Amino acid sequence: MTTLKTPITLHLDRDAVSLGERLSGDFVWRSENPDRCPKKATVSILWSTEGRGKGDRHRVSSQILDPNMVLNLMERNHPFTFEIPLDAPISYDGFLFRLMWSVEVRITFPGLFSDKDTAVASFQVLA
């Protein structure tokens, strides 16, 4: 379940996890240009806030794929697993603000102004 049209298909095994549990899923990257060679691929979990006041964004954990594996990214299934810390904030959708969790897959390419392919999927963290 991705939010934007992207060459990355991102799938989460569950839409909600509790503190201390594991969130797992996988992604597949399909490039429209077969000569386009990625430099790095990163999968991250993060939480962010929006609403009244200044929003906040915190990257909780990231996994960087092995550089040798990056060359073989195209059209392959890449699984990932993250443990949600016990002291992490839980999801909240209130009147004044929201706290949301997401998984982000970012594939970067060489160059001064690095081009990126990105996909994001949301999930809930429960107490």
Protein backbone atom coordinates (compact mmCIF):
# COMPACT_ATOMS: atom_id res chain seq x y z
CA MET A 1 0.00 0.00 0.00
CA THR A 2 1.87 3.02 -1.27
CA THR A 3 0.61 6.58 -1.15
CA LEU A 4 2.10 7.99 -4.36
CA LYS A 5 2.64 6.66 -7.86
CA THR A 6 6.16 5.28 -7.69
CA PRO A 7 8.24 2.46 -9.18
CA ILE A 8 8.41 0.99 -5.64
CA THR A 9 5.69 -1.37 -4.43
CA LEU A 10 5.67 -1.41 -0.63
CA HIS A 11 3.72 -3.97 1.42
CA LEU A 12 3.30 -4.22 5.21
CA ASP A 13 2.28 -7.52 6.81
CA ARG A 14 0.06 -5.67 9.31
CA ASP A 15 -1.57 -2.25 9.61
CA ALA A 16 -1.16 -2.08 13.40
CA VAL A 17 1.46 -3.27 15.91
CA SER A 18 1.89 -2.86 19.66
CA LEU A 19 4.91 -1.42 21.48
CA GLY A 20 7.70 -4.00 21.55
CA GLU A 21 6.31 -5.98 18.60
CA ARG A 22 7.87 -6.46 15.20
CA LEU A 23 6.62 -4.85 12.01
CA SER A 24 7.59 -6.63 8.82
CA GLY A 25 6.96 -6.25 5.14
CA ASP A 26 8.69 -6.14 1.80
CA PHE A 27 9.19 -3.95 -1.25
CA VAL A 28 9.87 -4.39 -4.96
CA TRP A 29 11.53 -1.77 -7.19
CA ARG A 30 10.78 -1.63 -10.90
CA SER A 31 12.68 1.00 -12.84
CA GLU A 32 11.39 2.36 -16.12
CA ASN A 33 15.02 2.83 -17.20
CA PRO A 34 17.04 -0.43 -17.04
CA ASP A 35 20.32 1.56 -17.27
CA ARG A 36 19.52 3.47 -14.08
CA CYS A 37 21.76 2.01 -11.36
CA PRO A 38 20.95 2.84 -7.72
CA LYS A 39 23.66 3.96 -5.29
CA LYS A 40 21.82 3.06 -2.08
CA ALA A 41 18.48 1.80 -0.76
CA THR A 42 17.23 2.59 2.74
CA VAL A 43 14.16 1.32 4.59
CA SER A 44 13.17 3.36 7.66
CA ILE A 45 10.42 3.57 10.23
CA LEU A 46 9.51 6.99 11.52
CA TRP A 47 6.84 8.92 13.34
CA SER A 48 5.67 12.43 12.63
CA THR A 49 3.23 14.92 14.05
CA GLU A 50 0.97 17.43 12.37
CA GLY A 51 -1.59 19.89 13.64
CA ARG A 52 -1.31 23.00 15.77
CA GLY A 53 2.20 24.19 16.31
CA LYS A 54 5.33 23.05 14.56
CA GLY A 55 5.29 19.49 13.21
CA ASP A 56 7.94 17.01 14.27
CA ARG A 57 9.51 14.06 12.46
CA HIS A 58 11.68 11.39 14.04
CA ARG A 59 13.44 8.51 12.27
CA VAL A 60 13.32 5.62 14.75
CA SER A 61 15.34 3.05 12.84
CA SER A 62 16.82 2.50 9.38
CA GLN A 63 18.20 -0.41 7.41
CA ILE A 64 20.60 0.24 4.54
CA LEU A 65 20.79 -2.52 1.97
CA ASP A 66 24.17 -4.06 1.26
CA PRO A 67 25.78 -2.17 -1.68
CA ASN A 68 26.28 -5.47 -3.55
CA MET A 69 22.58 -6.16 -3.21
CA VAL A 70 21.64 -2.73 -4.59
CA LEU A 71 22.76 -3.78 -8.05
CA ASN A 72 20.24 -6.62 -7.90
CA LEU A 73 17.33 -4.50 -6.59
CA MET A 74 15.33 -4.50 -9.76
CA GLU A 75 12.18 -6.64 -9.65
CA ARG A 76 13.24 -8.58 -6.55
CA ASN A 77 11.35 -8.92 -3.31
CA HIS A 78 13.26 -7.28 -0.42
CA PRO A 79 11.93 -8.17 3.06
CA PHE A 80 12.46 -6.00 6.15
CA THR A 81 11.64 -6.22 9.87
CA PHE A 82 11.68 -3.55 12.57
CA GLU A 83 11.03 -3.80 16.30
CA ILE A 84 8.93 -0.99 17.72
CA PRO A 85 10.69 0.31 20.87
CA LEU A 86 8.82 -0.05 24.16
CA ASP A 87 9.34 3.66 24.91
CA ALA A 88 8.07 4.90 21.50
CA PRO A 89 5.02 7.15 21.26
CA ILE A 90 1.75 5.52 20.22
CA SER A 91 -0.37 6.65 17.28
CA TYR A 92 -2.82 9.41 18.12
CA ASP A 93 -5.48 11.23 16.10
CA GLY A 94 -6.82 14.08 18.22
CA PHE A 95 -8.40 17.49 17.82
CA LEU A 96 -5.19 19.52 18.17
CA PHE A 97 -2.62 17.18 16.65
CA ARG A 98 -1.95 13.77 15.13
CA LEU A 99 0.98 11.41 15.67
CA MET A 100 1.44 9.07 12.71
CA TRP A 101 3.85 6.21 11.98
CA SER A 102 5.14 5.16 8.57
CA VAL A 103 7.64 3.00 6.71
CA GLU A 104 9.67 4.78 4.05
CA VAL A 105 11.66 3.11 1.27
CA ARG A 106 14.11 5.46 -0.44
CA ILE A 107 16.32 4.50 -3.37
CA THR A 108 18.96 7.08 -4.26
CA PHE A 109 21.00 7.40 -7.42
CA PRO A 110 24.48 8.83 -8.08
CA GLY A 111 24.91 12.46 -8.96
CA LEU A 112 25.29 15.93 -7.50
CA PHE A 113 21.53 16.45 -7.29
CA SER A 114 20.65 12.88 -6.29
CA ASP A 115 17.45 11.65 -7.82
CA LYS A 116 15.31 9.46 -5.53
CA ASP A 117 12.50 6.94 -5.79
CA THR A 118 10.44 6.91 -2.59
CA ALA A 119 7.44 4.98 -1.26
CA VAL A 120 5.67 5.45 2.08
CA ALA A 121 3.14 3.24 3.88
CA SER A 122 1.36 4.15 7.12
CA PHE A 123 0.68 1.91 10.12
CA GLN A 124 -0.52 2.36 13.69
CA VAL A 125 1.39 1.78 16.92
CA LEU A 126 -0.87 0.71 19.80
CA ALA A 127 -0.20 0.51 23.54
